[in-house]
């Protein structure tokens, strides 16, 4: 099976090419190993979309463990708290 993204080098900088659309984009690196990792990640994202979701959750949970368990209710509660604090600040200014 042929991969969707391929890599090439132009002027010392690595580029990716989407074989479906023909679009070429700079990978903004001169390091071949880094360019290969980027291309591998792009190809994995296309072939394994569910894996992307799992990896994203893993990275987020490493930064903020509560991120995985939060719901929209938590977001709205936090937003209303911030909004009410701003309203209080506006009232105190007058």
C-alpha atoms as a PDB file:
ATOM      1  CA  UNK A   1       0.000   0.000   0.000  1.00  0.00           C
ATOM      2  CA  UNK A   2       1.322   3.392  -0.989  1.00  0.00           C
ATOM      3  CA  UNK A   3       1.520   6.104   1.659  1.00  0.00           C
ATOM      4  CA  UNK A   4      -0.287   9.392   1.132  1.00  0.00           C
ATOM      5  CA  UNK A   5       2.579  11.717   2.053  1.00  0.00           C
ATOM      6  CA  UNK A   6       6.085  11.561   0.648  1.00  0.00           C
ATOM      7  CA  UNK A   7       9.206  13.504   1.461  1.00  0.00           C
ATOM      8  CA  UNK A   8      11.692  15.364  -0.699  1.00  0.00           C
ATOM      9  CA  UNK A   9      14.477  17.867  -0.214  1.00  0.00           C
ATOM     10  CA  UNK A  10      14.821  21.220  -1.934  1.00  0.00           C
ATOM     11  CA  UNK A  11      17.582  23.710  -1.117  1.00  0.00           C
ATOM     12  CA  UNK A  12      18.543  21.886   2.056  1.00  0.00           C
ATOM     13  CA  UNK A  13      14.993  22.013   3.497  1.00  0.00           C
ATOM     14  CA  UNK A  14      12.668  19.001   3.595  1.00  0.00           C
ATOM     15  CA  UNK A  15       9.183  19.163   2.087  1.00  0.00           C
ATOM     16  CA  UNK A  16       6.146  16.906   2.097  1.00  0.00           C
ATOM     17  CA  UNK A  17       3.970  16.177  -0.896  1.00  0.00           C
ATOM     18  CA  UNK A  18       0.394  14.972  -0.661  1.00  0.00           C
ATOM     19  CA  UNK A  19       0.083  12.348  -3.366  1.00  0.00           C
ATOM     20  CA  UNK A  20      -3.694  12.795  -3.573  1.00  0.00           C
ATOM     21  CA  UNK A  21      -3.749  16.553  -4.077  1.00  0.00           C
ATOM     22  CA  UNK A  22      -0.197  17.228  -5.237  1.00  0.00           C
ATOM     23  CA  UNK A  23       0.148  19.945  -2.584  1.00  0.00           C
ATOM     24  CA  UNK A  24       3.710  20.547  -1.437  1.00  0.00           C
ATOM     25  CA  UNK A  25       4.481  22.022   1.953  1.00  0.00           C
ATOM     26  CA  UNK A  26       7.699  22.823   3.803  1.00  0.00           C
ATOM     27  CA  UNK A  27       8.409  20.736   6.872  1.00  0.00           C
ATOM     28  CA  UNK A  28      10.601  23.629   8.098  1.00  0.00           C
ATOM     29  CA  UNK A  29      13.508  21.394   8.993  1.00  0.00           C
ATOM     30  CA  UNK A  30      16.908  20.512   7.610  1.00  0.00           C
ATOM     31  CA  UNK A  31      17.176  17.393   9.776  1.00  0.00           C
ATOM     32  CA  UNK A  32      16.308  14.232   7.843  1.00  0.00           C
ATOM     33  CA  UNK A  33      15.349  12.214  10.938  1.00  0.00           C
ATOM     34  CA  UNK A  34      12.946  14.914  12.093  1.00  0.00           C
ATOM     35  CA  UNK A  35      11.443  15.171   8.610  1.00  0.00           C
ATOM     36  CA  UNK A  36      10.921  11.395   8.518  1.00  0.00           C
ATOM     37  CA  UNK A  37       9.144  11.541  11.910  1.00  0.00           C
ATOM     38  CA  UNK A  38       6.845  14.307  10.657  1.00  0.00           C
ATOM     39  CA  UNK A  39       5.980  12.378   7.490  1.00  0.00           C
ATOM     40  CA  UNK A  40       5.376   9.207   9.515  1.00  0.00           C
ATOM     41  CA  UNK A  41       3.025  11.120  11.832  1.00  0.00           C
ATOM     42  CA  UNK A  42       1.137  12.585   8.841  1.00  0.00           C
ATOM     43  CA  UNK A  43       0.747   9.136   7.267  1.00  0.00           C
ATOM     44  CA  UNK A  44      -0.328   7.615  10.579  1.00  0.00           C
ATOM     45  CA  UNK A  45      -2.915  10.370  11.024  1.00  0.00           C
ATOM     46  CA  UNK A  46      -4.469   9.482   7.682  1.00  0.00           C
ATOM     47  CA  UNK A  47      -4.387   5.713   8.118  1.00  0.00           C
ATOM     48  CA  UNK A  48      -5.223   5.505  11.850  1.00  0.00           C
ATOM     49  CA  UNK A  49      -7.609   8.342  12.806  1.00  0.00           C
ATOM     50  CA  UNK A  50      -8.764   6.575  15.994  1.00  0.00           C
ATOM     51  CA  UNK A  51      -5.166   6.244  17.129  1.00  0.00           C
ATOM     52  CA  UNK A  52      -4.815  10.008  16.790  1.00  0.00           C
ATOM     53  CA  UNK A  53      -7.644  10.549  19.257  1.00  0.00           C
ATOM     54  CA  UNK A  54      -6.057   8.185  21.777  1.00  0.00           C
ATOM     55  CA  UNK A  55      -2.666   9.874  21.425  1.00  0.00           C
ATOM     56  CA  UNK A  56      -4.210  13.335  21.815  1.00  0.00           C
ATOM     57  CA  UNK A  57      -5.963  12.264  25.013  1.00  0.00           C
ATOM     58  CA  UNK A  58      -2.710  10.819  26.317  1.00  0.00           C
ATOM     59  CA  UNK A  59      -0.796  14.048  25.683  1.00  0.00           C
ATOM     60  CA  UNK A  60      -3.573  16.130  27.237  1.00  0.00           C
ATOM     61  CA  UNK A  61      -3.813  13.953  30.327  1.00  0.00           C
ATOM     62  CA  UNK A  62      -0.059  14.304  30.836  1.00  0.00           C
ATOM     63  CA  UNK A  63      -0.487  18.097  30.944  1.00  0.00           C
ATOM     64  CA  UNK A  64      -3.725  18.183  32.933  1.00  0.00           C
ATOM     65  CA  UNK A  65      -5.078  14.892  34.383  1.00  0.00           C
ATOM     66  CA  UNK A  66      -8.568  16.392  34.862  1.00  0.00           C
ATOM     67  CA  UNK A  67      -8.795  17.214  31.154  1.00  0.00           C
ATOM     68  CA  UNK A  68     -10.014  13.723  30.244  1.00  0.00           C
ATOM     69  CA  UNK A  69     -12.901  13.726  32.744  1.00  0.00           C
ATOM     70  CA  UNK A  70     -14.141  17.285  32.165  1.00  0.00           C
ATOM     71  CA  UNK A  71     -17.549  17.809  30.634  1.00  0.00           C
ATOM     72  CA  UNK A  72     -19.207  20.773  28.970  1.00  0.00           C
ATOM     73  CA  UNK A  73     -20.994  21.414  32.273  1.00  0.00           C
ATOM     74  CA  UNK A  74     -17.582  22.028  33.886  1.00  0.00           C
ATOM     75  CA  UNK A  75     -16.651  24.441  31.112  1.00  0.00           C
ATOM     76  CA  UNK A  76     -19.914  26.379  31.399  1.00  0.00           C
ATOM     77  CA  UNK A  77     -19.624  26.542  35.182  1.00  0.00           C
ATOM     78  CA  UNK A  78     -16.101  27.945  34.892  1.00  0.00           C
ATOM     79  CA  UNK A  79     -17.206  30.395  32.204  1.00  0.00           C
ATOM     80  CA  UNK A  80     -20.117  31.667  34.317  1.00  0.00           C
ATOM     81  CA  UNK A  81     -17.800  32.064  37.321  1.00  0.00           C
ATOM     82  CA  UNK A  82     -15.334  34.129  35.289  1.00  0.00           C
ATOM     83  CA  UNK A  83     -18.152  36.178  33.772  1.00  0.00           C
ATOM     84  CA  UNK A  84     -19.647  36.939  37.179  1.00  0.00           C
ATOM     85  CA  UNK A  85     -16.217  37.982  38.509  1.00  0.00           C
ATOM     86  CA  UNK A  86     -15.782  40.353  35.566  1.00  0.00           C
ATOM     87  CA  UNK A  87     -19.235  41.786  36.195  1.00  0.00           C
ATOM     88  CA  UNK A  88     -18.323  42.392  39.849  1.00  0.00           C
ATOM     89  CA  UNK A  89     -15.137  44.176  38.773  1.00  0.00           C
ATOM     90  CA  UNK A  90     -17.126  46.400  36.411  1.00  0.00           C
ATOM     91  CA  UNK A  91     -19.617  47.295  39.159  1.00  0.00           C
ATOM     92  CA  UNK A  92     -16.800  48.141  41.595  1.00  0.00           C
ATOM     93  CA  UNK A  93     -15.190  50.416  39.033  1.00  0.00           C
ATOM     94  CA  UNK A  94     -18.245  52.679  38.976  1.00  0.00           C
END
